[in-house]
Amino acid sequence: MRTDDFWAVIDRATADRPGSPDEVAKRATADLAALDPTEIVAWGRHLDKVLAASGKEDLWAAAYLINGGCSDEGFDNFRGWLIANGRETLARAVRDPDSLADVPAVRAAATTGAVFEAEEVLTIAEVAYREATGDEFPPSDSPPGRPDPSMLWDFDDEDEMQRRLPRLSSLFLEPPE
């Protein structure tokens, strides 16, 4: 599956009717379930590639900062939320995780404490495949698409966080006294 075809499913799910990641996932699932099962599997395999490409240490740090902590599963779900926000949002965040400080919902989260996770986006292909065929989605042999947690820098090191993600740090960390 081509990258444009993958993102077309998300674009159709968000076009003229943005909504919560859950709503985006439901619309994308319905769209995908109408396709041939081989296309559904191809979409799911492309999702694996998107997760692998976005499995960056500093993006995980940004998720940790924004969500007030972030496990490996939480990082996957954070990237699900990014995917639900579209190709450009994800691409910008992968290139420069600190650019998430420009996203209005992220800025608001600095005061509201909102957490950004969308596991349902990560299961679009599995649910669509089950709806279309009645069978379980074929297992993937792709790695999880994230750095080894034991190899990450210390996300609780505020000085390092401020050095790597200064704009997000100014939103989410207490100013030094």
Protein backbone atom coordinates (compact mmCIF):
# COMPACT_ATOMS: atom_id res chain seq x y z
CA MET A 1 0.00 0.00 0.00
CA ARG A 2 1.25 3.44 -0.88
CA THR A 3 1.64 6.06 1.81
CA ASP A 4 -0.94 8.28 0.11
CA ASP A 5 -3.48 5.43 0.15
CA PHE A 6 -2.86 4.82 3.84
CA TRP A 7 -3.40 8.49 4.71
CA ALA A 8 -6.44 8.76 2.41
CA VAL A 9 -8.34 6.53 4.86
CA ILE A 10 -7.52 8.89 7.74
CA ASP A 11 -8.21 11.96 5.57
CA ARG A 12 -11.67 10.66 4.67
CA ALA A 13 -12.36 9.94 8.34
CA THR A 14 -11.51 13.52 9.32
CA ALA A 15 -12.67 15.48 6.26
CA ASP A 16 -15.41 18.00 7.01
CA ARG A 17 -16.19 16.25 10.28
CA PRO A 18 -13.33 16.29 12.68
CA GLY A 19 -13.98 14.58 15.93
CA SER A 20 -12.45 12.62 18.72
CA PRO A 21 -9.90 9.94 17.84
CA ASP A 22 -12.61 7.39 18.66
CA GLU A 23 -14.92 8.92 16.03
CA VAL A 24 -12.07 9.07 13.51
CA ALA A 25 -11.29 5.41 14.20
CA LYS A 26 -14.93 4.37 13.74
CA ARG A 27 -15.22 6.19 10.41
CA ALA A 28 -11.85 4.87 9.18
CA THR A 29 -12.81 1.34 10.24
CA ALA A 30 -16.08 1.53 8.31
CA ASP A 31 -14.24 2.86 5.25
CA LEU A 32 -11.57 0.17 5.45
CA ALA A 33 -14.05 -2.67 6.10
CA ALA A 34 -15.59 -1.96 2.68
CA LEU A 35 -12.29 -2.85 0.97
CA ASP A 36 -10.90 -6.22 -0.07
CA PRO A 37 -9.38 -8.03 2.92
CA THR A 38 -5.93 -7.93 1.30
CA GLU A 39 -6.17 -4.12 1.23
CA ILE A 40 -7.17 -4.07 4.88
CA VAL A 41 -4.09 -6.16 5.74
CA ALA A 42 -1.92 -3.88 3.59
CA TRP A 43 -3.28 -0.86 5.47
CA GLY A 44 -2.45 -2.52 8.80
CA ARG A 45 1.07 -3.35 7.63
CA HIS A 46 1.53 0.26 6.56
CA LEU A 47 0.41 1.35 10.02
CA ASP A 48 3.28 -0.78 11.37
CA LYS A 49 5.64 1.20 9.13
CA VAL A 50 4.21 4.52 10.32
CA LEU A 51 4.72 3.43 13.93
CA ALA A 52 8.29 2.32 13.19
CA ALA A 53 9.09 5.63 11.48
CA SER A 54 7.64 7.60 14.38
CA GLY A 55 9.31 5.57 17.11
CA LYS A 56 11.73 8.35 18.01
CA GLU A 57 13.20 8.89 21.45
CA ASP A 58 12.51 12.64 21.58
CA LEU A 59 8.92 12.10 20.42
CA TRP A 60 8.51 9.65 23.30
CA ALA A 61 9.95 12.33 25.60
CA ALA A 62 7.40 14.81 24.26
CA ALA A 63 4.60 12.33 24.96
CA TYR A 64 6.03 11.80 28.45
CA LEU A 65 6.05 15.52 29.11
CA ILE A 66 2.61 16.23 27.62
CA ASN A 67 0.84 13.25 29.21
CA GLY A 68 2.56 13.52 32.57
CA GLY A 69 4.33 10.19 32.04
CA CYS A 70 4.31 7.65 29.24
CA SER A 71 4.82 3.88 29.24
CA ASP A 72 5.74 1.99 26.08
CA GLU A 73 2.07 1.25 25.45
CA GLY A 74 1.23 4.87 26.25
CA PHE A 75 3.74 5.97 23.60
CA ASP A 76 2.05 3.74 21.03
CA ASN A 77 -1.34 5.19 21.99
CA PHE A 78 0.04 8.75 21.85
CA ARG A 79 1.13 8.07 18.27
CA GLY A 80 -2.40 6.78 17.60
CA TRP A 81 -3.64 10.19 18.70
CA LEU A 82 -1.12 11.87 16.39
CA ILE A 83 -2.28 9.69 13.46
CA ALA A 84 -5.90 10.68 14.16
CA ASN A 85 -4.76 14.29 13.83
CA GLY A 86 -3.45 13.67 10.33
CA ARG A 87 -0.37 13.18 8.26
CA GLU A 88 1.03 16.69 8.62
CA THR A 89 0.67 16.75 12.41
CA LEU A 90 2.45 13.42 12.71
CA ALA A 91 5.18 14.32 10.22
CA ARG A 92 5.86 17.65 11.93
CA ALA A 93 6.00 15.96 15.35
CA VAL A 94 8.44 13.30 14.09
CA ARG A 95 10.69 15.96 12.52
CA ASP A 96 10.50 18.26 15.53
CA PRO A 97 8.72 16.91 18.62
CA ASP A 98 8.93 20.35 20.23
CA SER A 99 6.60 21.62 17.46
CA LEU A 100 3.76 19.97 19.38
CA ALA A 101 3.81 23.16 21.48
CA ASP A 102 2.02 24.76 18.49
CA VAL A 103 -0.94 22.34 18.61
CA PRO A 104 -3.84 24.12 20.34
CA ALA A 105 -5.03 20.99 22.19
CA VAL A 106 -1.51 20.41 23.52
CA ARG A 107 -1.21 24.02 24.66
CA ALA A 108 -4.56 23.69 26.44
CA ALA A 109 -3.44 20.45 28.09
CA ALA A 110 -0.79 22.39 29.97
CA THR A 111 -3.61 23.77 32.13
CA THR A 112 -6.33 21.11 31.76
CA GLY A 113 -4.13 18.05 32.23
CA ALA A 114 -5.68 16.34 29.20
CA VAL A 115 -3.96 13.13 28.11
CA PHE A 116 -3.58 12.27 24.45
CA GLU A 117 -3.92 8.60 23.64
CA ALA A 118 -5.89 6.77 20.96
CA GLU A 119 -5.50 3.01 21.13
CA GLU A 120 -8.60 2.68 18.95
CA VAL A 121 -6.69 4.21 16.01
CA LEU A 122 -4.09 1.46 16.33
CA THR A 123 -6.78 -1.23 16.00
CA ILE A 124 -8.55 0.14 12.91
CA ALA A 125 -7.23 -2.60 10.61
CA GLU A 126 -7.96 -5.42 13.06
CA VAL A 127 -11.54 -4.29 13.65
CA ALA A 128 -12.16 -3.65 9.94
CA TYR A 129 -10.75 -7.07 9.01
CA ARG A 130 -12.96 -8.79 11.59
CA GLU A 131 -16.01 -6.87 10.32
CA ALA A 132 -15.22 -7.71 6.68
CA THR A 133 -14.26 -11.37 7.09
CA GLY A 134 -15.40 -12.58 10.49
CA ASP A 135 -11.82 -13.73 11.05
CA GLU A 136 -8.99 -12.42 13.20
CA PHE A 137 -6.42 -10.13 11.59
CA PRO A 138 -3.30 -12.02 10.47
CA PRO A 139 -0.50 -11.57 12.99
CA SER A 140 2.34 -9.21 12.16
CA ASP A 141 5.99 -9.97 12.69
CA SER A 142 6.88 -6.27 12.83
CA PRO A 143 8.69 -5.00 15.91
CA PRO A 144 6.74 -2.58 18.12
CA GLY A 145 8.20 0.53 16.44
CA ARG A 146 9.70 2.18 19.48
CA PRO A 147 13.13 2.47 21.08
CA ASP A 148 14.12 0.03 23.79
CA PRO A 149 12.93 1.67 27.04
CA SER A 150 16.17 0.71 28.79
CA MET A 151 18.13 2.80 26.27
CA LEU A 152 16.17 6.06 26.70
CA TRP A 153 17.60 9.14 28.33
CA ASP A 154 16.07 10.03 31.69
CA PHE A 155 12.78 11.77 30.90
CA ASP A 156 12.60 12.95 34.53
CA ASP A 157 15.79 14.99 34.03
CA GLU A 158 14.24 18.44 33.72
CA ASP A 159 17.47 20.07 32.54
CA GLU A 160 17.75 17.57 29.69
CA MET A 161 14.04 17.94 28.90
CA GLN A 162 14.46 21.73 28.71
CA ARG A 163 17.50 21.35 26.48
CA ARG A 164 15.82 18.95 24.05
CA LEU A 165 12.22 20.22 24.18
CA PRO A 166 12.39 23.86 25.33
CA ARG A 167 8.97 24.96 24.10
CA LEU A 168 7.10 21.99 25.55
CA SER A 169 9.11 22.29 28.75
CA SER A 170 8.01 25.90 29.14
CA LEU A 171 4.40 24.69 28.97
CA PHE A 172 4.59 21.58 31.14
CA LEU A 173 7.45 22.03 33.61
CA GLU A 174 7.45 24.34 36.57
CA PRO A 175 9.82 27.28 36.04
CA PRO A 176 13.02 26.98 38.08
CA GLU A 177 13.05 29.06 41.25
